[in-house]
Amino acid sequence: MFYKDGFFWGMHLIWWAIWIVALGWIFFAPTSSSYEEIEGDDPLMLLKIRFAKGEISKEEYEQSKKLLQSDK
């Protein structure tokens, strides 16, 4: 188990493996972005978000809402 000057190389390799797994998890773990999912999936939700941000007026919101609901 002990090699060259008393270093335990098995433990050294275990620490390398832990670092590689940790870095892989940090950089390659899937992330979820709920805003992108909402924005891409539901036009009515996007309309609500734009209205909440103040990008469109109440009248524009109501018109667009009626138009979107009539298409279904």
Protein backbone atom coordinates (compact mmCIF):
# COMPACT_ATOMS: atom_id res chain seq x y z
CA MET A 1 0.00 0.00 0.00
CA PHE A 2 2.79 2.42 0.76
CA TYR A 3 5.07 3.49 -2.04
CA LYS A 4 7.93 5.99 -2.42
CA ASP A 5 8.65 7.84 0.80
CA GLY A 6 5.47 6.67 2.50
CA PHE A 7 2.91 8.28 0.20
CA PHE A 8 -0.33 6.38 -0.08
CA TRP A 9 -0.97 6.61 -3.83
CA GLY A 10 -4.37 4.94 -3.59
CA MET A 11 -5.73 7.82 -1.55
CA HIS A 12 -4.11 10.29 -3.94
CA LEU A 13 -6.00 8.71 -6.83
CA ILE A 14 -9.25 8.79 -4.87
CA TRP A 15 -8.88 12.54 -4.33
CA TRP A 16 -8.22 13.06 -8.06
CA ALA A 17 -11.39 11.09 -8.82
CA ILE A 18 -13.39 13.20 -6.36
CA TRP A 19 -12.13 16.44 -7.96
CA ILE A 20 -12.90 15.22 -11.47
CA VAL A 21 -16.44 14.19 -10.51
CA ALA A 22 -17.04 17.48 -8.67
CA LEU A 23 -15.82 19.61 -11.59
CA GLY A 24 -17.80 17.52 -14.05
CA TRP A 25 -20.91 17.97 -11.98
CA ILE A 26 -20.40 21.74 -11.77
CA PHE A 27 -19.79 22.27 -15.49
CA PHE A 28 -21.94 19.58 -17.10
CA ALA A 29 -24.93 19.23 -14.79
CA PRO A 30 -28.19 20.03 -16.56
CA THR A 31 -29.73 23.28 -15.50
CA SER A 32 -33.36 24.18 -15.70
CA SER A 33 -34.46 27.62 -16.63
CA SER A 34 -38.12 27.93 -15.84
CA TYR A 35 -38.39 31.31 -17.57
CA GLU A 36 -37.21 29.85 -20.87
CA GLU A 37 -39.61 26.93 -20.55
CA ILE A 38 -42.52 29.25 -19.84
CA GLU A 39 -41.55 31.64 -22.60
CA GLY A 40 -41.16 28.95 -25.22
CA ASP A 41 -44.18 26.82 -24.31
CA ASP A 42 -47.15 29.06 -23.66
CA PRO A 43 -47.86 32.28 -25.59
CA LEU A 44 -50.52 33.31 -23.05
CA MET A 45 -47.97 33.10 -20.23
CA LEU A 46 -45.55 35.20 -22.28
CA LEU A 47 -48.32 37.76 -22.76
CA LYS A 48 -48.93 37.85 -19.00
CA ILE A 49 -45.22 38.36 -18.34
CA ARG A 50 -45.03 41.22 -20.85
CA PHE A 51 -48.08 42.85 -19.24
CA ALA A 52 -46.59 42.44 -15.76
CA LYS A 53 -43.34 44.07 -16.91
CA GLY A 54 -45.28 47.01 -18.32
CA GLU A 55 -44.23 46.38 -21.91
CA ILE A 56 -47.84 46.44 -23.14
CA SER A 57 -50.92 48.32 -21.99
CA LYS A 58 -54.08 46.79 -20.52
CA GLU A 59 -55.95 47.26 -23.80
CA GLU A 60 -53.21 45.53 -25.79
CA TYR A 61 -53.18 42.73 -23.24
CA GLU A 62 -56.95 42.20 -23.44
CA GLN A 63 -56.94 42.26 -27.27
CA SER A 64 -54.07 39.83 -27.52
CA LYS A 65 -55.59 37.57 -24.90
CA LYS A 66 -58.89 37.39 -26.80
CA LEU A 67 -57.03 36.68 -30.03
CA LEU A 68 -54.97 33.89 -28.47
CA GLN A 69 -57.99 32.29 -26.82
CA SER A 70 -60.01 32.39 -30.04
CA ASP A 71 -57.32 30.42 -31.89
CA LYS A 72 -57.62 27.42 -29.56
